[in-house]
Every structure is written in C-alpha cells, then in structure tokens.
Amino acid sequence: MALRSIWPKVHKFHSYFQSPCTGVIDGLPHYLIGASCPFSTITKIDLPVFRPNEFFWQNHQREGEEKWQTYERVLRQIMSEVGDLPLSDLSIEDKFEYKKILYPIKAKKMN
C-alpha cells in the first residue's frame, strides 16, 4: 500500500500425493494434510529485498497503470519466473465462487 520495500519469497511444494493448489481448504486442515504426506518437499527461495525507485517506474510502468499495479505485476512476474510457477488471472472472488460450489451447505450458513 505504501510501496515499501519487500522481501519476496517463493515456496515450491512437491508431493506425489497432494497438490498445494487446494487453496479452498481452510488453513489448518490444509497444513495438517500437507504435513501428513510422506516424501513431500518444500524448496524455499529467498529473493533480494526489492526497493522501488525512479528507474523502476520509468522502465516498467505501463500507461494508465498506477504505481501499486506496476509493483504488483512486476514482482509477481519475477516470482513466477524464479519459481517456475504458472501465473493465473483468477481473482479472489473466483476462489470464493469455487468454494461455494464445493461447500454449498457451508455457503448457505454464511449468507
């Protein structure tokens, strides 16, 4: 929000039994499932601390794009490339809709 320096980190999860893409499961159950899978590995990649400056804005900001959008887009792209992770255009709202489809009873209780 304040365009402050950040320390990007990438976590690459590998398991023959479970995908880390089960983001619609609440936190604790997701961690317990992950911890119970044998032969799973996590590789942590620490990227250098990133501080935006005028050179960054002049060379990466697109026309009509606000500074926070440039910052988010470029760092997301860097993390994707370093971690060899695919990018998705889905929004958090898409995730909520998917969760409603998977757990309709829970969704009705929340409304």
PDB file of N, CA and C in Angstrom:
ATOM      1  N   MET A   1       0.822  -1.191   0.000  1.00  0.00           N
ATOM      2  CA  MET A   1       0.000   0.000   0.000  1.00  0.00           C
ATOM      3  C   MET A   1       0.865   1.253   0.000  1.00  0.00           C
ATOM      4  N   ALA A   2       1.972   1.212   0.684  1.00  0.00           N
ATOM      5  CA  ALA A   2       2.828   2.391   0.744  1.00  0.00           C
ATOM      6  C   ALA A   2       4.031   2.256  -0.180  1.00  0.00           C
ATOM      7  N   LEU A   3       4.038   1.226  -1.022  1.00  0.00           N
ATOM      8  CA  LEU A   3       5.129   0.971  -1.954  1.00  0.00           C
ATOM      9  C   LEU A   3       6.459   0.834  -1.210  1.00  0.00           C
ATOM     10  N   ARG A   4       6.410   0.201  -0.075  1.00  0.00           N
ATOM     11  CA  ARG A   4       7.614  -0.010   0.735  1.00  0.00           C
ATOM     12  C   ARG A   4       8.425  -1.170   0.187  1.00  0.00           C
ATOM     13  N   SER A   5       9.633  -1.304   0.699  1.00  0.00           N
ATOM     14  CA  SER A   5      10.496  -2.421   0.330  1.00  0.00           C
ATOM     15  C   SER A   5       9.875  -3.725   0.813  1.00  0.00           C
ATOM     16  N   ILE A   6      10.050  -4.768   0.012  1.00  0.00           N
ATOM     17  CA  ILE A   6       9.584  -6.077   0.440  1.00  0.00           C
ATOM     18  C   ILE A   6      10.670  -7.112   0.172  1.00  0.00           C
ATOM     19  N   TRP A   7      10.560  -8.228   0.858  1.00  0.00           N
ATOM     20  CA  TRP A   7      11.493  -9.330   0.697  1.00  0.00           C
ATOM     21  C   TRP A   7      10.717 -10.502   0.110  1.00  0.00           C
ATOM     22  N   PRO A   8      10.682 -10.632  -1.216  1.00  0.00           N
ATOM     23  CA  PRO A   8       9.905 -11.703  -1.837  1.00  0.00           C
ATOM     24  C   PRO A   8      10.482 -13.081  -1.534  1.00  0.00           C
ATOM     25  N   LYS A   9       9.605 -14.035  -1.325  1.00  0.00           N
ATOM     26  CA  LYS A   9       9.987 -15.422  -1.067  1.00  0.00           C
ATOM     27  C   LYS A   9       9.094 -16.322  -1.919  1.00  0.00           C
ATOM     28  N   VAL A  10       9.674 -17.392  -2.422  1.00  0.00           N
ATOM     29  CA  VAL A  10       8.925 -18.358  -3.214  1.00  0.00           C
ATOM     30  C   VAL A  10       9.049 -19.706  -2.523  1.00  0.00           C
ATOM     31  N   HIS A  11       7.919 -20.388  -2.336  1.00  0.00           N
ATOM     32  CA  HIS A  11       7.919 -21.730  -1.766  1.00  0.00           C
ATOM     33  C   HIS A  11       7.420 -22.695  -2.832  1.00  0.00           C
ATOM     34  N   LYS A  12       8.262 -23.659  -3.179  1.00  0.00           N
ATOM     35  CA  LYS A  12       7.883 -24.673  -4.166  1.00  0.00           C
ATOM     36  C   LYS A  12       7.638 -25.984  -3.428  1.00  0.00           C
ATOM     37  N   PHE A  13       6.428 -26.486  -3.551  1.00  0.00           N
ATOM     38  CA  PHE A  13       5.988 -27.692  -2.861  1.00  0.00           C
ATOM     39  C   PHE A  13       5.954 -28.831  -3.863  1.00  0.00           C
ATOM     40  N   HIS A  14       6.478 -29.973  -3.468  1.00  0.00           N
ATOM     41  CA  HIS A  14       6.410 -31.147  -4.329  1.00  0.00           C
ATOM     42  C   HIS A  14       5.956 -32.348  -3.512  1.00  0.00           C
ATOM     43  N   SER A  15       4.943 -33.041  -4.021  1.00  0.00           N
ATOM     44  CA  SER A  15       4.444 -34.243  -3.379  1.00  0.00           C
ATOM     45  C   SER A  15       3.826 -35.138  -4.441  1.00  0.00           C
ATOM     46  N   TYR A  16       3.992 -36.421  -4.287  1.00  0.00           N
ATOM     47  CA  TYR A  16       3.348 -37.375  -5.185  1.00  0.00           C
ATOM     48  C   TYR A  16       1.894 -37.608  -4.801  1.00  0.00           C
ATOM     49  N   PHE A  17       1.496 -37.127  -3.612  1.00  0.00           N
ATOM     50  CA  PHE A  17       0.184 -37.456  -3.077  1.00  0.00           C
ATOM     51  C   PHE A  17      -0.800 -36.295  -3.019  1.00  0.00           C
ATOM     52  N   GLN A  18      -0.303 -35.077  -2.950  1.00  0.00           N
ATOM     53  CA  GLN A  18      -1.192 -33.933  -2.761  1.00  0.00           C
ATOM     54  C   GLN A  18      -0.673 -32.745  -3.557  1.00  0.00           C
ATOM     55  N   SER A  19      -1.600 -31.951  -4.058  1.00  0.00           N
ATOM     56  CA  SER A  19      -1.244 -30.721  -4.756  1.00  0.00           C
ATOM     57  C   SER A  19      -1.389 -29.554  -3.786  1.00  0.00           C
ATOM     58  N   PRO A  20      -0.481 -28.596  -3.828  1.00  0.00           N
ATOM     59  CA  PRO A  20      -0.643 -27.423  -2.973  1.00  0.00           C
ATOM     60  C   PRO A  20      -1.734 -26.488  -3.480  1.00  0.00           C
ATOM     61  N   CYS A  21      -2.317 -26.802  -4.618  1.00  0.00           N
ATOM     62  CA  CYS A  21      -3.334 -25.950  -5.232  1.00  0.00           C
ATOM     63  C   CYS A  21      -4.709 -26.149  -4.626  1.00  0.00           C
ATOM     64  N   THR A  22      -4.780 -26.715  -3.464  1.00  0.00           N
ATOM     65  CA  THR A  22      -6.067 -26.913  -2.801  1.00  0.00           C
ATOM     66  C   THR A  22      -6.360 -25.711  -1.915  1.00  0.00           C
ATOM     67  N   GLY A  23      -6.277 -24.525  -2.486  1.00  0.00           N
ATOM     68  CA  GLY A  23      -6.421 -23.282  -1.748  1.00  0.00           C
ATOM     69  C   GLY A  23      -7.806 -22.996  -1.213  1.00  0.00           C
ATOM     70  N   VAL A  24      -8.787 -23.824  -1.528  1.00  0.00           N
ATOM     71  CA  VAL A  24     -10.125 -23.595  -0.990  1.00  0.00           C
ATOM     72  C   VAL A  24     -10.320 -24.308   0.340  1.00  0.00           C
ATOM     73  N   ILE A  25      -9.321 -25.065   0.761  1.00  0.00           N
ATOM     74  CA  ILE A  25      -9.383 -25.696   2.085  1.00  0.00           C
ATOM     75  C   ILE A  25      -8.884 -24.682   3.100  1.00  0.00           C
ATOM     76  N   ASP A  26      -9.562 -24.577   4.223  1.00  0.00           N
ATOM     77  CA  ASP A  26      -9.126 -23.646   5.256  1.00  0.00           C
ATOM     78  C   ASP A  26      -7.716 -23.984   5.729  1.00  0.00           C
ATOM     79  N   GLY A  27      -7.038 -23.002   6.300  1.00  0.00           N
ATOM     80  CA  GLY A  27      -5.634 -23.098   6.660  1.00  0.00           C
ATOM     81  C   GLY A  27      -5.205 -24.324   7.439  1.00  0.00           C
ATOM     82  N   LEU A  28      -5.738 -24.546   8.632  1.00  0.00           N
ATOM     83  CA  LEU A  28      -5.281 -25.626   9.491  1.00  0.00           C
ATOM     84  C   LEU A  28      -5.452 -27.005   8.842  1.00  0.00           C
ATOM     85  N   PRO A  29      -6.628 -27.345   8.306  1.00  0.00           N
ATOM     86  CA  PRO A  29      -6.738 -28.647   7.640  1.00  0.00           C
ATOM     87  C   PRO A  29      -5.750 -28.799   6.474  1.00  0.00           C
ATOM     88  N   HIS A  30      -5.543 -27.724   5.750  1.00  0.00           N
ATOM     89  CA  HIS A  30      -4.597 -27.765   4.626  1.00  0.00           C
ATOM     90  C   HIS A  30      -3.184 -28.082   5.125  1.00  0.00           C
ATOM     91  N   TYR A  31      -2.764 -27.439   6.209  1.00  0.00           N
ATOM     92  CA  TYR A  31      -1.429 -27.688   6.763  1.00  0.00           C
ATOM     93  C   TYR A  31      -1.305 -29.104   7.321  1.00  0.00           C
ATOM     94  N   LEU A  32      -2.352 -29.595   7.962  1.00  0.00           N
ATOM     95  CA  LEU A  32      -2.318 -30.951   8.505  1.00  0.00           C
ATOM     96  C   LEU A  32      -2.224 -31.990   7.390  1.00  0.00           C
ATOM     97  N   ILE A  33      -2.975 -31.796   6.320  1.00  0.00           N
ATOM     98  CA  ILE A  33      -2.899 -32.713   5.180  1.00  0.00           C
ATOM     99  C   ILE A  33      -1.497 -32.690   4.587  1.00  0.00           C
ATOM    100  N   GLY A  34      -0.951 -31.493   4.403  1.00  0.00           N
ATOM    101  CA  GLY A  34       0.389 -31.367   3.851  1.00  0.00           C
ATOM    102  C   GLY A  34       1.451 -32.004   4.723  1.00  0.00           C
ATOM    103  N   ALA A  35       1.319 -31.838   6.036  1.00  0.00           N
ATOM    104  CA  ALA A  35       2.305 -32.391   6.968  1.00  0.00           C
ATOM    105  C   ALA A  35       2.220 -33.914   7.065  1.00  0.00           C
ATOM    106  N   SER A  36       1.065 -34.469   6.733  1.00  0.00           N
ATOM    107  CA  SER A  36       0.902 -35.917   6.852  1.00  0.00           C
ATOM    108  C   SER A  36       1.312 -36.675   5.585  1.00  0.00           C
ATOM    109  N   CYS A  37       1.698 -35.966   4.545  1.00  0.00           N
ATOM    110  CA  CYS A  37       2.099 -36.611   3.288  1.00  0.00           C
ATOM    111  C   CYS A  37       3.584 -36.977   3.320  1.00  0.00           C
ATOM    112  N   PRO A  38       3.883 -38.270   3.238  1.00  0.00           N
ATOM    113  CA  PRO A  38       5.294 -38.659   3.227  1.00  0.00           C
ATOM    114  C   PRO A  38       5.959 -38.280   1.901  1.00  0.00           C
ATOM    115  N   PHE A  39       7.247 -38.132   1.953  1.00  0.00           N
ATOM    116  CA  PHE A  39       8.053 -37.856   0.766  1.00  0.00           C
ATOM    117  C   PHE A  39       7.676 -36.540   0.084  1.00  0.00           C
ATOM    118  N   SER A  40       7.244 -35.575   0.866  1.00  0.00           N
ATOM    119  CA  SER A  40       6.936 -34.244   0.338  1.00  0.00           C
ATOM    120  C   SER A  40       8.113 -33.332   0.631  1.00  0.00           C
ATOM    121  N   THR A  41       8.361 -32.405  -0.263  1.00  0.00           N
ATOM    122  CA  THR A  41       9.451 -31.451  -0.050  1.00  0.00           C
ATOM    123  C   THR A  41       8.959 -30.037  -0.322  1.00  0.00           C
ATOM    124  N   ILE A  42       9.590 -29.091   0.343  1.00  0.00           N
ATOM    125  CA  ILE A  42       9.346 -27.680   0.096  1.00  0.00           C
ATOM    126  C   ILE A  42      10.704 -27.028  -0.124  1.00  0.00           C
ATOM    127  N   THR A  43      10.822 -26.319  -1.222  1.00  0.00           N
ATOM    128  CA  THR A  43      12.034 -25.569  -1.507  1.00  0.00           C
ATOM    129  C   THR A  43      11.713 -24.095  -1.325  1.00  0.00           C
ATOM    130  N   LYS A  44      12.497 -23.427  -0.497  1.00  0.00           N
ATOM    131  CA  LYS A  44      12.283 -22.016  -0.223  1.00  0.00           C
ATOM    132  C   LYS A  44      13.334 -21.213  -0.981  1.00  0.00           C
ATOM    133  N   ILE A  45      12.879 -20.242  -1.741  1.00  0.00           N
ATOM    134  CA  ILE A  45      13.776 -19.369  -2.487  1.00  0.00           C
ATOM    135  C   ILE A  45      13.584 -17.945  -1.954  1.00  0.00           C
ATOM    136  N   ASP A  46      14.630 -17.385  -1.372  1.00  0.00           N
ATOM    137  CA  ASP A  46      14.602 -16.006  -0.888  1.00  0.00           C
ATOM    138  C   ASP A  46      15.184 -15.106  -1.973  1.00  0.00           C
ATOM    139  N   LEU A  47      14.403 -14.195  -2.457  1.00  0.00           N
ATOM    140  CA  LEU A  47      14.870 -13.229  -3.440  1.00  0.00           C
ATOM    141  C   LEU A  47      15.427 -12.010  -2.712  1.00  0.00           C
ATOM    142  N   PRO A  48      16.217 -11.185  -3.369  1.00  0.00           N
ATOM    143  CA  PRO A  48      16.742  -9.981  -2.707  1.00  0.00           C
ATOM    144  C   PRO A  48      15.611  -9.018  -2.331  1.00  0.00           C
ATOM    145  N   VAL A  49      15.862  -8.224  -1.314  1.00  0.00           N
ATOM    146  CA  VAL A  49      14.899  -7.195  -0.923  1.00  0.00           C
ATOM    147  C   VAL A  49      14.725  -6.247  -2.107  1.00  0.00           C
ATOM    148  N   PHE A  50      13.489  -5.940  -2.406  1.00  0.00           N
ATOM    149  CA  PHE A  50      13.187  -5.084  -3.551  1.00  0.00           C
ATOM    150  C   PHE A  50      12.717  -3.724  -3.071  1.00  0.00           C
ATOM    151  N   ARG A  51      13.375  -2.676  -3.550  1.00  0.00           N
ATOM    152  CA  ARG A  51      13.009  -1.296  -3.221  1.00  0.00           C
ATOM    153  C   ARG A  51      12.705  -0.558  -4.524  1.00  0.00           C
ATOM    154  N   PRO A  52      11.475  -0.159  -4.748  1.00  0.00           N
ATOM    155  CA  PRO A  52      11.171   0.559  -5.994  1.00  0.00           C
ATOM    156  C   PRO A  52      11.845   1.929  -6.006  1.00  0.00           C
ATOM    157  N   ASN A  53      12.310   2.341  -7.181  1.00  0.00           N
ATOM    158  CA  ASN A  53      12.935   3.655  -7.329  1.00  0.00           C
ATOM    159  C   ASN A  53      12.480   4.260  -8.662  1.00  0.00           C
ATOM    160  N   GLU A  54      12.974   5.449  -8.977  1.00  0.00           N
ATOM    161  CA  GLU A  54      12.545   6.130 -10.204  1.00  0.00           C
ATOM    162  C   GLU A  54      12.907   5.350 -11.465  1.00  0.00           C
ATOM    163  N   PHE A  55      14.054   4.682 -11.475  1.00  0.00           N
ATOM    164  CA  PHE A  55      14.441   3.868 -12.631  1.00  0.00           C
ATOM    165  C   PHE A  55      13.403   2.770 -12.868  1.00  0.00           C
ATOM    166  N   PHE A  56      12.967   2.140 -11.782  1.00  0.00           N
ATOM    167  CA  PHE A  56      11.941   1.091 -11.881  1.00  0.00           C
ATOM    168  C   PHE A  56      10.674   1.641 -12.518  1.00  0.00           C
ATOM    169  N   TRP A  57      10.183   2.775 -12.022  1.00  0.00           N
ATOM    170  CA  TRP A  57       8.926   3.336 -12.531  1.00  0.00           C
ATOM    171  C   TRP A  57       9.072   3.745 -14.000  1.00  0.00           C
ATOM    172  N   GLN A  58      10.199   4.346 -14.363  1.00  0.00           N
ATOM    173  CA  GLN A  58      10.396   4.802 -15.744  1.00  0.00           C
ATOM    174  C   GLN A  58      10.470   3.633 -16.730  1.00  0.00           C
ATOM    175  N   ASN A  59      10.978   2.494 -16.295  1.00  0.00           N
ATOM    176  CA  ASN A  59      11.194   1.381 -17.205  1.00  0.00           C
ATOM    177  C   ASN A  59      10.136   0.280 -17.152  1.00  0.00           C
ATOM    178  N   HIS A  60       9.261   0.307 -16.162  1.00  0.00           N
ATOM    179  CA  HIS A  60       8.287  -0.781 -16.029  1.00  0.00           C
ATOM    180  C   HIS A  60       6.835  -0.336 -15.962  1.00  0.00           C
ATOM    181  N   GLN A  61       6.584   0.935 -15.642  1.00  0.00           N
ATOM    182  CA  GLN A  61       5.196   1.373 -15.510  1.00  0.00           C
ATOM    183  C   GLN A  61       4.558   1.531 -16.887  1.00  0.00           C
ATOM    184  N   ARG A  62       3.406   0.913 -17.044  1.00  0.00           N
ATOM    185  CA  ARG A  62       2.652   0.994 -18.296  1.00  0.00           C
ATOM    186  C   ARG A  62       1.702   2.190 -18.247  1.00  0.00           C
ATOM    187  N   GLU A  63       1.325   2.644 -19.416  1.00  0.00           N
ATOM    188  CA  GLU A  63       0.422   3.788 -19.498  1.00  0.00           C
ATOM    189  C   GLU A  63      -0.914   3.452 -18.835  1.00  0.00           C
ATOM    190  N   GLY A  64      -1.379   4.350 -17.990  1.00  0.00           N
ATOM    191  CA  GLY A  64      -2.651   4.163 -17.303  1.00  0.00           C
ATOM    192  C   GLY A  64      -2.568   3.276 -16.076  1.00  0.00           C
ATOM    193  N   GLU A  65      -1.395   2.766 -15.759  1.00  0.00           N
ATOM    194  CA  GLU A  65      -1.225   1.863 -14.628  1.00  0.00           C
ATOM    195  C   GLU A  65      -0.771   2.661 -13.402  1.00  0.00           C
ATOM    196  N   GLU A  66      -1.393   2.407 -12.276  1.00  0.00           N
ATOM    197  CA  GLU A  66      -0.972   3.068 -11.040  1.00  0.00           C
ATOM    198  C   GLU A  66       0.294   2.396 -10.516  1.00  0.00           C
ATOM    199  N   LYS A  67       1.012   3.093  -9.651  1.00  0.00           N
ATOM    200  CA  LYS A  67       2.292   2.562  -9.162  1.00  0.00           C
ATOM    201  C   LYS A  67       2.128   1.222  -8.448  1.00  0.00           C
ATOM    202  N   TRP A  68       1.086   1.079  -7.640  1.00  0.00           N
ATOM    203  CA  TRP A  68       0.914  -0.185  -6.920  1.00  0.00           C
ATOM    204  C   TRP A  68       0.667  -1.333  -7.896  1.00  0.00           C
ATOM    205  N   GLN A  69      -0.021  -1.052  -9.013  1.00  0.00           N
ATOM    206  CA  GLN A  69      -0.287  -2.086 -10.004  1.00  0.00           C
ATOM    207  C   GLN A  69       1.001  -2.516 -10.708  1.00  0.00           C
ATOM    208  N   THR A  70       1.862  -1.569 -10.992  1.00  0.00           N
ATOM    209  CA  THR A  70       3.157  -1.880 -11.599  1.00  0.00           C
ATOM    210  C   THR A  70       3.985  -2.723 -10.652  1.00  0.00           C
ATOM    211  N   TYR A  71       4.049  -2.298  -9.409  1.00  0.00           N
ATOM    212  CA  TYR A  71       4.815  -3.001  -8.376  1.00  0.00           C
ATOM    213  C   TYR A  71       4.340  -4.448  -8.254  1.00  0.00           C
ATOM    214  N   GLU A  72       3.042  -4.634  -8.165  1.00  0.00           N
ATOM    215  CA  GLU A  72       2.453  -5.973  -8.021  1.00  0.00           C
ATOM    216  C   GLU A  72       2.736  -6.830  -9.250  1.00  0.00           C
ATOM    217  N   ARG A  73       2.509  -6.265 -10.429  1.00  0.00           N
ATOM    218  CA  ARG A  73       2.669  -7.023 -11.675  1.00  0.00           C
ATOM    219  C   ARG A  73       4.106  -7.484 -11.873  1.00  0.00           C
ATOM    220  N   VAL A  74       5.069  -6.586 -11.686  1.00  0.00           N
ATOM    221  CA  VAL A  74       6.473  -6.922 -11.928  1.00  0.00           C
ATOM    222  C   VAL A  74       6.976  -7.933 -10.904  1.00  0.00           C
ATOM    223  N   LEU A  75       6.674  -7.741  -9.619  1.00  0.00           N
ATOM    224  CA  LEU A  75       7.132  -8.689  -8.602  1.00  0.00           C
ATOM    225  C   LEU A  75       6.470 -10.054  -8.780  1.00  0.00           C
ATOM    226  N   ARG A  76       5.223 -10.065  -9.144  1.00  0.00           N
ATOM    227  CA  ARG A  76       4.527 -11.328  -9.405  1.00  0.00           C
ATOM    228  C   ARG A  76       5.185 -12.071 -10.562  1.00  0.00           C
ATOM    229  N   GLN A  77       5.546 -11.346 -11.611  1.00  0.00           N
ATOM    230  CA  GLN A  77       6.208 -11.945 -12.760  1.00  0.00           C
ATOM    231  C   GLN A  77       7.582 -12.494 -12.378  1.00  0.00           C
ATOM    232  N   ILE A  78       8.342 -11.736 -11.604  1.00  0.00           N
ATOM    233  CA  ILE A  78       9.669 -12.188 -11.160  1.00  0.00           C
ATOM    234  C   ILE A  78       9.547 -13.460 -10.331  1.00  0.00           C
ATOM    235  N   MET A  79       8.626 -13.476  -9.379  1.00  0.00           N
ATOM    236  CA  MET A  79       8.446 -14.646  -8.525  1.00  0.00           C
ATOM    237  C   MET A  79       8.005 -15.857  -9.336  1.00  0.00           C
ATOM    238  N   SER A  80       7.164 -15.636 -10.333  1.00  0.00           N
ATOM    239  CA  SER A  80       6.721 -16.721 -11.208  1.00  0.00           C
ATOM    240  C   SER A  80       7.894 -17.308 -11.992  1.00  0.00           C
ATOM    241  N   GLU A  81       8.730 -16.438 -12.541  1.00  0.00           N
ATOM    242  CA  GLU A  81       9.869 -16.903 -13.339  1.00  0.00           C
ATOM    243  C   GLU A  81      10.904 -17.623 -12.477  1.00  0.00           C
ATOM    244  N   VAL A  82      11.253 -17.048 -11.331  1.00  0.00           N
ATOM    245  CA  VAL A  82      12.258 -17.653 -10.453  1.00  0.00           C
ATOM    246  C   VAL A  82      11.773 -18.996  -9.924  1.00  0.00           C
ATOM    247  N   GLY A  83      10.503 -19.070  -9.553  1.00  0.00           N
ATOM    248  CA  GLY A  83       9.950 -20.299  -9.002  1.00  0.00           C
ATOM    249  C   GLY A  83       9.457 -21.280 -10.046  1.00  0.00           C
ATOM    250  N   ASP A  84       9.519 -20.896 -11.312  1.00  0.00           N
ATOM    251  CA  ASP A  84       8.992 -21.723 -12.400  1.00  0.00           C
ATOM    252  C   ASP A  84       7.539 -22.110 -12.105  1.00  0.00           C
ATOM    253  N   LEU A  85       6.759 -21.098 -11.736  1.00  0.00           N
ATOM    254  CA  LEU A  85       5.361 -21.281 -11.365  1.00  0.00           C
ATOM    255  C   LEU A  85       4.466 -20.580 -12.379  1.00  0.00           C
ATOM    256  N   PRO A  86       3.368 -21.208 -12.783  1.00  0.00           N
ATOM    257  CA  PRO A  86       2.475 -20.567 -13.754  1.00  0.00           C
ATOM    258  C   PRO A  86       1.696 -19.416 -13.116  1.00  0.00           C
ATOM    259  N   LEU A  87       1.373 -18.428 -13.922  1.00  0.00           N
ATOM    260  CA  LEU A  87       0.531 -17.324 -13.466  1.00  0.00           C
ATOM    261  C   LEU A  87      -0.929 -17.633 -13.788  1.00  0.00           C
ATOM    262  N   SER A  88      -1.821 -17.109 -12.989  1.00  0.00           N
ATOM    263  CA  SER A  88      -3.247 -17.272 -13.215  1.00  0.00           C
ATOM    264  C   SER A  88      -3.902 -15.903 -13.152  1.00  0.00           C
ATOM    265  N   ASP A  89      -4.913 -15.699 -13.972  1.00  0.00           N
ATOM    266  CA  ASP A  89      -5.648 -14.438 -13.965  1.00  0.00           C
ATOM    267  C   ASP A  89      -6.895 -14.501 -13.087  1.00  0.00           C
ATOM    268  N   LEU A  90      -7.079 -15.606 -12.366  1.00  0.00           N
ATOM    269  CA  LEU A  90      -8.244 -15.727 -11.496  1.00  0.00           C
ATOM    270  C   LEU A  90      -8.134 -14.758 -10.326  1.00  0.00           C
ATOM    271  N   SER A  91      -9.267 -14.231  -9.914  1.00  0.00           N
ATOM    272  CA  SER A  91      -9.300 -13.296  -8.792  1.00  0.00           C
ATOM    273  C   SER A  91      -9.699 -14.027  -7.509  1.00  0.00           C
ATOM    274  N   ILE A  92      -9.592 -13.337  -6.396  1.00  0.00           N
ATOM    275  CA  ILE A  92     -10.003 -13.919  -5.110  1.00  0.00           C
ATOM    276  C   ILE A  92     -11.512 -14.183  -5.133  1.00  0.00           C
ATOM    277  N   GLU A  93     -12.259 -13.366  -5.867  1.00  0.00           N
ATOM    278  CA  GLU A  93     -13.697 -13.580  -5.983  1.00  0.00           C
ATOM    279  C   GLU A  93     -13.999 -14.903  -6.683  1.00  0.00           C
ATOM    280  N   ASP A  94     -13.172 -15.254  -7.696  1.00  0.00           N
ATOM    281  CA  ASP A  94     -13.333 -16.546  -8.372  1.00  0.00           C
ATOM    282  C   ASP A  94     -13.146 -17.690  -7.383  1.00  0.00           C
ATOM    283  N   LYS A  95     -12.184 -17.540  -6.490  1.00  0.00           N
ATOM    284  CA  LYS A  95     -11.920 -18.575  -5.484  1.00  0.00           C
ATOM    285  C   LYS A  95     -13.137 -18.719  -4.557  1.00  0.00           C
ATOM    286  N   PHE A  96     -13.733 -17.598  -4.162  1.00  0.00           N
ATOM    287  CA  PHE A  96     -14.903 -17.652  -3.294  1.00  0.00           C
ATOM    288  C   PHE A  96     -16.066 -18.363  -3.988  1.00  0.00           C
ATOM    289  N   GLU A  97     -16.269 -18.078  -5.258  1.00  0.00           N
ATOM    290  CA  GLU A  97     -17.337 -18.730  -6.017  1.00  0.00           C
ATOM    291  C   GLU A  97     -17.096 -20.238  -6.114  1.00  0.00           C
ATOM    292  N   TYR A  98     -15.847 -20.624  -6.356  1.00  0.00           N
ATOM    293  CA  TYR A  98     -15.485 -22.042  -6.432  1.00  0.00           C
ATOM    294  C   TYR A  98     -15.739 -22.728  -5.092  1.00  0.00           C
ATOM    295  N   LYS A  99     -15.397 -22.038  -4.015  1.00  0.00           N
ATOM    296  CA  LYS A  99     -15.610 -22.602  -2.678  1.00  0.00           C
ATOM    297  C   LYS A  99     -17.105 -22.797  -2.397  1.00  0.00           C
ATOM    298  N   LYS A 100     -17.935 -21.879  -2.875  1.00  0.00           N
ATOM    299  CA  LYS A 100     -19.387 -22.021  -2.700  1.00  0.00           C
ATOM    300  C   LYS A 100     -19.907 -23.259  -3.428  1.00  0.00           C
ATOM    301  N   ILE A 101     -19.346 -23.542  -4.590  1.00  0.00           N
ATOM    302  CA  ILE A 101     -19.757 -24.724  -5.357  1.00  0.00           C
ATOM    303  C   ILE A 101     -19.341 -25.999  -4.634  1.00  0.00           C
ATOM    304  N   LEU A 102     -18.133 -26.014  -4.075  1.00  0.00           N
ATOM    305  CA  LEU A 102     -17.634 -27.201  -3.380  1.00  0.00           C
ATOM    306  C   LEU A 102     -18.329 -27.448  -2.046  1.00  0.00           C
ATOM    307  N   TYR A 103     -18.639 -26.367  -1.337  1.00  0.00           N
ATOM    308  CA  TYR A 103     -19.218 -26.472   0.003  1.00  0.00           C
ATOM    309  C   TYR A 103     -20.530 -25.688   0.077  1.00  0.00           C
ATOM    310  N   PRO A 104     -21.590 -26.142  -0.604  1.00  0.00           N
ATOM    311  CA  PRO A 104     -22.834 -25.364  -0.653  1.00  0.00           C
ATOM    312  C   PRO A 104     -23.502 -25.203   0.708  1.00  0.00           C
ATOM    313  N   ILE A 105     -23.433 -26.195   1.556  1.00  0.00           N
ATOM    314  CA  ILE A 105     -24.079 -26.092   2.886  1.00  0.00           C
ATOM    315  C   ILE A 105     -23.381 -25.037   3.725  1.00  0.00           C
ATOM    316  N   LYS A 106     -22.083 -25.038   3.709  1.00  0.00           N
ATOM    317  CA  LYS A 106     -21.311 -24.043   4.452  1.00  0.00           C
ATOM    318  C   LYS A 106     -21.595 -22.631   3.919  1.00  0.00           C
ATOM    319  N   ALA A 107     -21.725 -22.498   2.594  1.00  0.00           N
ATOM    320  CA  ALA A 107     -22.003 -21.199   1.974  1.00  0.00           C
ATOM    321  C   ALA A 107     -23.374 -20.676   2.384  1.00  0.00           C
ATOM    322  N   LYS A 108     -24.375 -21.574   2.494  1.00  0.00           N
ATOM    323  CA  LYS A 108     -25.720 -21.146   2.895  1.00  0.00           C
ATOM    324  C   LYS A 108     -25.716 -20.649   4.328  1.00  0.00           C
ATOM    325  N   LYS A 109     -24.924 -21.287   5.201  1.00  0.00           N
ATOM    326  CA  LYS A 109     -24.867 -20.857   6.603  1.00  0.00           C
ATOM    327  C   LYS A 109     -24.264 -19.465   6.736  1.00  0.00           C
ATOM    328  N   MET A 110     -23.348 -19.119   5.828  1.00  0.00           N
ATOM    329  CA  MET A 110     -22.681 -17.821   5.895  1.00  0.00           C
ATOM    330  C   MET A 110     -23.561 -16.700   5.352  1.00  0.00           C
ATOM    331  N   ASN A 111     -24.578 -17.023   4.549  1.00  0.00           N
ATOM    332  CA  ASN A 111     -25.453 -15.986   3.982  1.00  0.00           C
ATOM    333  C   ASN A 111     -26.594 -15.652   4.869  1.00  0.00           C
TER     334      ASN A 111
END
